[in-house]
């Protein structure tokens, strides 16, 4: 199931979805965490992108394991970092959903009472979402960099180590 699509290895295809959609989720989460006015408008869209991105992470890791066997290449560090990525994506998604849900719950009473000050809970969740976003972005970079170096360095290009 996680081998190929029409003869093309699945892993490189799915990875592109992860490395585009997960950083997009990070940027969207940062935007709605820092700009409360955008939460009701863009929150559901960011959550949708986050759900798809998070769902693709295990597909990428499982297809990567199949791809490793095909290549007969040791991708130890890349695989280890890739396996960890879900533990960054899941908390980010949970905090993102919590932020959007809490904001929507407070929206109705706020319009009746006239208060537009976000609650402490929303502020805490927004702060945690920012931290989770930054951690996830860094982990995506680490996974992608290790994979790209494994594929490209020593073969087509002579890559310099990251300093």
N, C-alpha and C. Protein backbone atom coordinates (compact mmCIF):
# COMPACT_ATOMS: atom_id res chain seq x y z
N UNK A 1 0.81 -1.20 0.00
CA UNK A 1 0.00 0.00 0.00
C UNK A 1 0.85 1.26 0.00
N UNK A 2 2.00 1.23 0.68
CA UNK A 2 2.82 2.43 0.79
C UNK A 2 4.04 2.39 -0.12
N UNK A 3 3.97 1.60 -1.20
CA UNK A 3 5.13 1.45 -2.08
C UNK A 3 5.16 2.51 -3.19
N UNK A 4 4.24 2.35 -4.14
CA UNK A 4 4.28 3.18 -5.34
C UNK A 4 2.88 3.61 -5.76
N UNK A 5 2.86 4.63 -6.61
CA UNK A 5 1.65 5.05 -7.32
C UNK A 5 2.03 5.06 -8.79
N UNK A 6 1.37 4.24 -9.56
CA UNK A 6 1.66 4.06 -10.99
C UNK A 6 3.16 3.89 -11.25
N UNK A 7 3.81 3.11 -10.39
CA UNK A 7 5.22 2.81 -10.57
C UNK A 7 6.19 3.83 -10.00
N UNK A 8 5.68 4.95 -9.54
CA UNK A 8 6.53 6.00 -8.95
C UNK A 8 6.55 5.80 -7.44
N UNK A 9 7.74 5.86 -6.82
CA UNK A 9 7.79 5.71 -5.36
C UNK A 9 6.89 6.73 -4.66
N UNK A 10 6.10 6.26 -3.73
CA UNK A 10 5.14 7.11 -3.03
C UNK A 10 5.82 8.13 -2.12
N UNK A 11 6.92 7.74 -1.49
CA UNK A 11 7.55 8.60 -0.48
C UNK A 11 7.91 10.00 -1.00
N UNK A 12 8.63 10.13 -2.11
CA UNK A 12 8.96 11.48 -2.58
C UNK A 12 7.72 12.32 -2.92
N UNK A 13 6.65 11.66 -3.34
CA UNK A 13 5.42 12.39 -3.66
C UNK A 13 4.74 12.91 -2.40
N UNK A 14 4.59 12.04 -1.41
CA UNK A 14 3.90 12.41 -0.17
C UNK A 14 4.71 13.41 0.63
N UNK A 15 6.02 13.26 0.60
CA UNK A 15 6.89 14.17 1.35
C UNK A 15 6.66 15.61 0.90
N UNK A 16 6.45 15.81 -0.38
CA UNK A 16 6.20 17.17 -0.84
C UNK A 16 4.93 17.75 -0.23
N UNK A 17 3.92 16.91 -0.04
CA UNK A 17 2.71 17.37 0.65
C UNK A 17 3.00 17.78 2.08
N UNK A 18 3.81 16.99 2.78
CA UNK A 18 4.15 17.30 4.17
C UNK A 18 4.97 18.58 4.26
N UNK A 19 6.00 18.71 3.40
CA UNK A 19 6.88 19.87 3.53
C UNK A 19 6.26 21.16 2.99
N UNK A 20 5.13 21.06 2.34
CA UNK A 20 4.39 22.26 1.95
C UNK A 20 3.27 22.54 2.96
N UNK A 21 2.46 21.53 3.25
CA UNK A 21 1.27 21.76 4.08
C UNK A 21 1.57 21.95 5.56
N UNK A 22 2.58 21.27 6.09
CA UNK A 22 2.89 21.45 7.51
C UNK A 22 3.46 22.84 7.79
N UNK A 23 4.42 23.35 7.00
CA UNK A 23 4.83 24.74 7.20
C UNK A 23 3.71 25.74 6.94
N UNK A 24 2.81 25.43 6.01
CA UNK A 24 1.66 26.30 5.78
C UNK A 24 0.77 26.32 7.02
N UNK A 25 0.61 25.17 7.66
CA UNK A 25 -0.12 25.10 8.93
C UNK A 25 0.58 25.93 9.99
N UNK A 26 1.90 25.84 10.04
CA UNK A 26 2.68 26.63 10.99
C UNK A 26 2.43 28.12 10.77
N UNK A 27 2.55 28.56 9.52
CA UNK A 27 2.34 29.98 9.22
C UNK A 27 0.91 30.42 9.54
N UNK A 28 -0.06 29.59 9.19
CA UNK A 28 -1.45 29.91 9.49
C UNK A 28 -1.71 29.98 10.98
N UNK A 29 -1.12 29.05 11.72
CA UNK A 29 -1.29 29.04 13.18
C UNK A 29 -0.66 30.29 13.78
N UNK A 30 0.53 30.63 13.34
CA UNK A 30 1.17 31.86 13.83
C UNK A 30 0.30 33.08 13.52
N UNK A 31 -0.25 33.12 12.32
CA UNK A 31 -1.08 34.26 11.93
C UNK A 31 -2.31 34.40 12.81
N UNK A 32 -3.03 33.30 13.03
CA UNK A 32 -4.26 33.43 13.82
C UNK A 32 -3.98 33.51 15.32
N UNK A 33 -2.82 33.04 15.75
CA UNK A 33 -2.46 33.19 17.17
C UNK A 33 -2.09 34.64 17.46
N UNK A 34 -1.44 35.29 16.51
CA UNK A 34 -0.98 36.66 16.71
C UNK A 34 -2.01 37.71 16.30
N UNK A 35 -2.94 37.35 15.43
CA UNK A 35 -3.98 38.28 14.97
C UNK A 35 -5.35 37.69 15.28
N UNK A 36 -5.86 37.92 16.48
CA UNK A 36 -7.14 37.32 16.89
C UNK A 36 -8.30 37.59 15.92
N UNK A 37 -8.28 38.73 15.26
CA UNK A 37 -9.37 39.06 14.34
C UNK A 37 -9.43 38.09 13.16
N UNK A 38 -8.36 37.41 12.85
CA UNK A 38 -8.32 36.48 11.73
C UNK A 38 -8.82 35.10 12.10
N UNK A 39 -8.99 34.82 13.38
CA UNK A 39 -9.33 33.45 13.81
C UNK A 39 -10.64 32.95 13.23
N UNK A 40 -11.69 33.75 13.31
CA UNK A 40 -13.00 33.28 12.83
C UNK A 40 -13.01 33.14 11.32
N UNK A 41 -12.28 33.99 10.64
CA UNK A 41 -12.27 33.94 9.17
C UNK A 41 -11.39 32.82 8.65
N UNK A 42 -10.16 32.76 9.14
CA UNK A 42 -9.18 31.83 8.59
C UNK A 42 -8.95 30.58 9.43
N UNK A 43 -9.42 30.57 10.66
CA UNK A 43 -9.21 29.43 11.56
C UNK A 43 -9.63 28.09 10.97
N UNK A 44 -10.86 27.97 10.46
CA UNK A 44 -11.27 26.67 9.89
C UNK A 44 -10.41 26.24 8.71
N UNK A 45 -9.97 27.17 7.89
CA UNK A 45 -9.11 26.84 6.76
C UNK A 45 -7.76 26.30 7.26
N UNK A 46 -7.19 26.97 8.25
CA UNK A 46 -5.90 26.53 8.80
C UNK A 46 -6.05 25.16 9.45
N UNK A 47 -7.16 24.94 10.16
CA UNK A 47 -7.41 23.63 10.76
C UNK A 47 -7.50 22.55 9.68
N UNK A 48 -8.21 22.84 8.60
CA UNK A 48 -8.33 21.87 7.50
C UNK A 48 -6.99 21.51 6.90
N UNK A 49 -6.16 22.52 6.67
CA UNK A 49 -4.81 22.27 6.14
C UNK A 49 -4.00 21.46 7.15
N UNK A 50 -4.15 21.79 8.43
CA UNK A 50 -3.43 21.08 9.48
C UNK A 50 -3.83 19.61 9.58
N UNK A 51 -5.12 19.34 9.40
CA UNK A 51 -5.60 17.95 9.44
C UNK A 51 -4.98 17.15 8.29
N UNK A 52 -5.00 17.71 7.10
CA UNK A 52 -4.42 17.02 5.94
C UNK A 52 -2.92 16.82 6.13
N UNK A 53 -2.22 17.87 6.57
CA UNK A 53 -0.77 17.78 6.77
C UNK A 53 -0.42 16.72 7.80
N UNK A 54 -1.15 16.71 8.91
CA UNK A 54 -0.89 15.74 9.98
C UNK A 54 -1.20 14.32 9.51
N UNK A 55 -2.25 14.16 8.73
CA UNK A 55 -2.60 12.83 8.20
C UNK A 55 -1.54 12.32 7.23
N UNK A 56 -0.86 13.22 6.54
CA UNK A 56 0.16 12.80 5.58
C UNK A 56 1.47 12.37 6.25
N UNK A 57 1.69 12.81 7.49
CA UNK A 57 2.96 12.48 8.16
C UNK A 57 3.15 10.96 8.30
N UNK A 58 2.17 10.20 8.83
CA UNK A 58 2.39 8.75 8.91
C UNK A 58 2.48 8.08 7.54
N UNK A 59 1.80 8.63 6.56
CA UNK A 59 1.90 8.08 5.20
C UNK A 59 3.34 8.27 4.70
N UNK A 60 3.90 9.45 4.97
CA UNK A 60 5.29 9.71 4.56
C UNK A 60 6.26 8.79 5.28
N UNK A 61 6.06 8.58 6.57
CA UNK A 61 7.01 7.73 7.31
C UNK A 61 6.89 6.27 6.87
N UNK A 62 5.67 5.79 6.69
CA UNK A 62 5.50 4.39 6.27
C UNK A 62 6.02 4.17 4.84
N UNK A 63 5.72 5.11 3.96
CA UNK A 63 6.22 4.96 2.59
C UNK A 63 7.73 5.11 2.55
N UNK A 64 8.28 5.90 3.46
CA UNK A 64 9.73 6.03 3.55
C UNK A 64 10.40 4.73 3.94
N UNK A 65 9.77 3.99 4.82
CA UNK A 65 10.33 2.69 5.23
C UNK A 65 10.34 1.71 4.05
N UNK A 66 9.29 1.75 3.25
CA UNK A 66 9.25 0.91 2.04
C UNK A 66 10.30 1.37 1.03
N UNK A 67 10.43 2.69 0.89
CA UNK A 67 11.37 3.27 -0.07
C UNK A 67 12.81 2.93 0.33
N UNK A 68 13.08 2.93 1.63
CA UNK A 68 14.42 2.59 2.13
C UNK A 68 14.82 1.18 1.70
N UNK A 69 13.87 0.26 1.79
CA UNK A 69 14.15 -1.13 1.39
C UNK A 69 14.42 -1.22 -0.11
N UNK A 70 13.70 -0.43 -0.89
CA UNK A 70 13.90 -0.41 -2.34
C UNK A 70 15.28 0.13 -2.69
N UNK A 71 15.66 1.22 -2.02
CA UNK A 71 16.95 1.86 -2.30
C UNK A 71 18.13 1.10 -1.72
N UNK A 72 17.86 0.31 -0.71
CA UNK A 72 18.92 -0.37 0.04
C UNK A 72 19.95 0.65 0.51
N UNK A 73 19.44 1.69 1.15
CA UNK A 73 20.25 2.81 1.61
C UNK A 73 20.00 3.01 3.09
N UNK A 74 21.03 3.31 3.84
CA UNK A 74 20.86 3.57 5.27
C UNK A 74 20.42 5.02 5.46
N UNK A 75 19.20 5.19 5.90
CA UNK A 75 18.66 6.54 6.13
C UNK A 75 18.35 6.73 7.61
N UNK A 76 19.18 6.14 8.46
CA UNK A 76 18.93 6.11 9.90
C UNK A 76 18.51 7.42 10.52
N UNK A 77 19.33 8.47 10.38
CA UNK A 77 19.01 9.76 11.01
C UNK A 77 17.73 10.34 10.42
N UNK A 78 17.59 10.30 9.12
CA UNK A 78 16.40 10.84 8.46
C UNK A 78 15.16 10.10 8.92
N UNK A 79 15.23 8.79 8.99
CA UNK A 79 14.08 8.00 9.43
C UNK A 79 13.74 8.31 10.89
N UNK A 80 14.75 8.42 11.72
CA UNK A 80 14.53 8.72 13.13
C UNK A 80 13.85 10.08 13.29
N UNK A 81 14.34 11.08 12.58
CA UNK A 81 13.73 12.42 12.65
C UNK A 81 12.32 12.41 12.08
N UNK A 82 12.13 11.68 10.98
CA UNK A 82 10.80 11.58 10.38
C UNK A 82 9.80 10.91 11.30
N UNK A 83 10.23 9.87 12.00
CA UNK A 83 9.34 9.20 12.95
C UNK A 83 8.94 10.13 14.09
N UNK A 84 9.78 11.08 14.44
CA UNK A 84 9.47 12.02 15.52
C UNK A 84 8.50 13.12 15.08
N UNK A 85 8.40 13.37 13.79
CA UNK A 85 7.62 14.50 13.29
C UNK A 85 6.16 14.46 13.71
N UNK A 86 5.57 13.29 13.78
CA UNK A 86 4.16 13.20 14.18
C UNK A 86 3.95 13.76 15.58
N UNK A 87 4.96 13.63 16.44
CA UNK A 87 4.85 14.12 17.82
C UNK A 87 5.02 15.63 17.91
N UNK A 88 5.32 16.26 16.81
CA UNK A 88 5.30 17.72 16.70
C UNK A 88 3.98 18.15 16.04
N UNK A 89 3.58 17.42 15.01
CA UNK A 89 2.37 17.77 14.26
C UNK A 89 1.10 17.61 15.08
N UNK A 90 1.00 16.54 15.86
CA UNK A 90 -0.22 16.30 16.65
C UNK A 90 -0.48 17.38 17.71
N UNK A 91 0.52 17.75 18.53
CA UNK A 91 0.26 18.84 19.49
C UNK A 91 -0.06 20.16 18.80
N UNK A 92 0.61 20.43 17.68
CA UNK A 92 0.30 21.65 16.94
C UNK A 92 -1.15 21.64 16.50
N UNK A 93 -1.60 20.54 15.93
CA UNK A 93 -2.98 20.43 15.48
C UNK A 93 -3.96 20.56 16.64
N UNK A 94 -3.66 19.90 17.76
CA UNK A 94 -4.55 19.97 18.93
C UNK A 94 -4.65 21.41 19.45
N UNK A 95 -3.53 22.10 19.53
CA UNK A 95 -3.55 23.49 20.01
C UNK A 95 -4.26 24.40 19.01
N UNK A 96 -4.06 24.15 17.74
CA UNK A 96 -4.73 24.93 16.69
C UNK A 96 -6.25 24.76 16.79
N UNK A 97 -6.70 23.53 16.92
CA UNK A 97 -8.14 23.28 17.06
C UNK A 97 -8.67 23.93 18.34
N UNK A 98 -7.93 23.78 19.44
CA UNK A 98 -8.35 24.39 20.70
C UNK A 98 -8.46 25.90 20.57
N UNK A 99 -7.52 26.52 19.89
CA UNK A 99 -7.54 27.97 19.71
C UNK A 99 -8.78 28.41 18.94
N UNK A 100 -9.08 27.72 17.86
CA UNK A 100 -10.24 28.07 17.03
C UNK A 100 -11.54 27.82 17.79
N UNK A 101 -11.64 26.68 18.47
CA UNK A 101 -12.86 26.35 19.22
C UNK A 101 -13.08 27.33 20.36
N UNK A 102 -12.04 27.60 21.14
CA UNK A 102 -12.17 28.56 22.25
C UNK A 102 -12.57 29.93 21.75
N UNK A 103 -11.98 30.35 20.65
CA UNK A 103 -12.33 31.66 20.09
C UNK A 103 -13.79 31.71 19.67
N UNK A 104 -14.27 30.65 19.05
CA UNK A 104 -15.68 30.62 18.62
C UNK A 104 -16.62 30.58 19.81
N UNK A 105 -16.24 29.86 20.87
CA UNK A 105 -17.08 29.81 22.07
C UNK A 105 -17.18 31.17 22.74
N UNK A 106 -16.10 31.91 22.73
CA UNK A 106 -16.12 33.23 23.35
C UNK A 106 -16.75 34.29 22.46
N UNK A 107 -16.85 34.02 21.18
CA UNK A 107 -17.37 35.02 20.24
C UNK A 107 -18.81 35.39 20.53
N UNK A 108 -19.67 34.42 20.81
CA UNK A 108 -21.09 34.70 21.05
C UNK A 108 -21.30 35.54 22.30
N UNK A 109 -20.77 35.15 23.46
CA UNK A 109 -20.96 35.98 24.64
C UNK A 109 -20.30 37.35 24.51
N UNK A 110 -19.16 37.42 23.81
CA UNK A 110 -18.48 38.70 23.67
C UNK A 110 -19.33 39.69 22.88
N UNK A 111 -20.04 39.20 21.87
CA UNK A 111 -20.86 40.11 21.07
C UNK A 111 -22.05 40.61 21.89
N UNK A 112 -22.53 39.80 22.83
CA UNK A 112 -23.64 40.22 23.67
C UNK A 112 -23.18 41.16 24.78
N UNK A 113 -22.04 40.87 25.38
CA UNK A 113 -21.58 41.68 26.51
C UNK A 113 -20.78 42.89 26.06
N UNK A 114 -20.30 42.87 24.83
CA UNK A 114 -19.51 43.98 24.33
C UNK A 114 -18.03 43.84 24.63
N UNK A 115 -17.65 42.83 25.39
CA UNK A 115 -16.24 42.61 25.73
C UNK A 115 -15.55 41.90 24.57
N UNK A 116 -14.42 42.45 24.15
CA UNK A 116 -13.67 41.81 23.07
C UNK A 116 -12.28 41.38 23.55
N UNK A 117 -12.05 41.42 24.85
CA UNK A 117 -10.78 41.00 25.41
C UNK A 117 -10.72 39.48 25.48
N UNK A 118 -9.70 38.89 24.89
CA UNK A 118 -9.62 37.43 24.94
C UNK A 118 -9.35 36.93 26.37
N UNK A 119 -9.89 35.77 26.67
CA UNK A 119 -9.72 35.20 28.00
C UNK A 119 -8.28 34.74 28.20
N UNK A 120 -7.97 34.45 29.45
CA UNK A 120 -6.64 33.93 29.77
C UNK A 120 -6.41 32.59 29.07
N UNK A 121 -7.45 31.77 28.99
CA UNK A 121 -7.31 30.46 28.33
C UNK A 121 -6.89 30.63 26.87
N UNK A 122 -7.53 31.55 26.18
CA UNK A 122 -7.18 31.77 24.77
C UNK A 122 -5.75 32.29 24.65
N UNK A 123 -5.36 33.18 25.55
CA UNK A 123 -3.99 33.71 25.50
C UNK A 123 -2.96 32.60 25.74
N UNK A 124 -3.25 31.72 26.69
CA UNK A 124 -2.33 30.62 26.99
C UNK A 124 -2.26 29.65 25.80
N UNK A 125 -3.41 29.30 25.25
CA UNK A 125 -3.43 28.38 24.10
C UNK A 125 -2.72 29.01 22.91
N UNK A 126 -2.94 30.30 22.68
CA UNK A 126 -2.27 30.99 21.57
C UNK A 126 -0.75 30.97 21.77
N UNK A 127 -0.31 31.22 22.99
CA UNK A 127 1.14 31.20 23.27
C UNK A 127 1.71 29.80 23.06
N UNK A 128 1.01 28.79 23.54
CA UNK A 128 1.47 27.41 23.34
C UNK A 128 1.46 27.03 21.85
N UNK A 129 0.47 27.52 21.12
CA UNK A 129 0.40 27.25 19.68
C UNK A 129 1.58 27.89 18.95
N UNK A 130 1.99 29.06 19.40
CA UNK A 130 3.17 29.71 18.80
C UNK A 130 4.41 28.86 19.04
N UNK A 131 4.59 28.40 20.27
CA UNK A 131 5.74 27.56 20.60
C UNK A 131 5.71 26.26 19.79
N UNK A 132 4.54 25.62 19.72
CA UNK A 132 4.40 24.38 18.95
C UNK A 132 4.67 24.62 17.47
N UNK A 133 4.25 25.77 16.96
CA UNK A 133 4.50 26.10 15.55
C UNK A 133 5.98 26.21 15.26
N UNK A 134 6.69 26.92 16.12
CA UNK A 134 8.12 27.11 15.91
C UNK A 134 8.88 25.78 16.03
N UNK A 135 8.49 24.96 17.01
CA UNK A 135 9.13 23.65 17.17
C UNK A 135 8.86 22.76 15.96
N UNK A 136 7.63 22.79 15.46
CA UNK A 136 7.27 21.98 14.29
C UNK A 136 8.03 22.43 13.06
N UNK A 137 8.12 23.74 12.87
CA UNK A 137 8.86 24.27 11.72
C UNK A 137 10.31 23.80 11.75
N UNK A 138 10.91 23.85 12.92
CA UNK A 138 12.31 23.42 13.06
C UNK A 138 12.45 21.93 12.77
N UNK A 139 11.51 21.13 13.26
CA UNK A 139 11.58 19.69 13.03
C UNK A 139 11.37 19.36 11.55
N UNK A 140 10.47 20.06 10.88
CA UNK A 140 10.28 19.85 9.44
C UNK A 140 11.59 20.15 8.71
N UNK A 141 12.25 21.23 9.10
CA UNK A 141 13.54 21.57 8.51
C UNK A 141 14.56 20.44 8.73
N UNK A 142 14.65 19.95 9.96
CA UNK A 142 15.61 18.90 10.28
C UNK A 142 15.36 17.63 9.46
N UNK A 143 14.10 17.23 9.37
CA UNK A 143 13.75 16.02 8.61
C UNK A 143 14.07 16.23 7.13
N UNK A 144 13.62 17.35 6.59
CA UNK A 144 13.84 17.63 5.17
C UNK A 144 15.31 17.77 4.82
N UNK A 145 16.06 18.44 5.67
CA UNK A 145 17.48 18.63 5.42
C UNK A 145 18.22 17.29 5.43
N UNK A 146 17.91 16.45 6.41
CA UNK A 146 18.60 15.15 6.48
C UNK A 146 18.24 14.28 5.28
N UNK A 147 17.00 14.33 4.84
CA UNK A 147 16.59 13.56 3.67
C UNK A 147 17.22 14.07 2.39
N UNK A 148 17.22 15.39 2.23
CA UNK A 148 17.81 15.98 1.03
C UNK A 148 19.31 15.69 0.96
N UNK A 149 19.98 15.80 2.09
CA UNK A 149 21.42 15.51 2.11
C UNK A 149 21.69 14.04 1.78
N UNK A 150 20.84 13.16 2.24
CA UNK A 150 21.02 11.73 1.96
C UNK A 150 20.87 11.47 0.46
N UNK A 151 19.92 12.16 -0.17
CA UNK A 151 19.66 11.94 -1.59
C UNK A 151 20.71 12.64 -2.46
N UNK A 152 21.03 13.89 -2.15
CA UNK A 152 21.82 14.69 -3.07
C UNK A 152 23.31 14.74 -2.77
N UNK A 153 23.71 14.69 -1.54
CA UNK A 153 25.13 14.87 -1.20
C UNK A 153 25.93 13.60 -1.47
N UNK A 154 27.11 13.80 -1.99
CA UNK A 154 27.97 12.67 -2.28
C UNK A 154 27.68 12.02 -3.62
N UNK A 155 26.62 12.44 -4.25
CA UNK A 155 26.26 11.88 -5.55
C UNK A 155 26.33 12.98 -6.59
N UNK A 156 25.23 13.66 -6.75
CA UNK A 156 25.12 14.71 -7.76
C UNK A 156 25.89 15.96 -7.34
N UNK A 157 25.78 16.32 -6.05
CA UNK A 157 26.40 17.54 -5.54
C UNK A 157 27.37 17.22 -4.41
N UNK A 158 28.31 18.12 -4.20
CA UNK A 158 29.21 18.02 -3.06
C UNK A 158 28.71 19.04 -2.03
N UNK A 159 27.91 18.57 -1.10
CA UNK A 159 27.26 19.46 -0.13
C UNK A 159 28.21 19.82 1.00
N UNK A 160 28.09 21.04 1.43
CA UNK A 160 28.85 21.50 2.59
C UNK A 160 28.03 21.24 3.84
N UNK A 161 28.68 20.90 4.95
CA UNK A 161 27.93 20.69 6.19
C UNK A 161 27.29 21.98 6.68
N UNK A 162 26.16 21.84 7.36
CA UNK A 162 25.47 23.00 7.95
C UNK A 162 26.30 23.48 9.12
N UNK A 163 26.53 24.80 9.20
CA UNK A 163 27.31 25.35 10.31
C UNK A 163 26.49 26.24 11.18
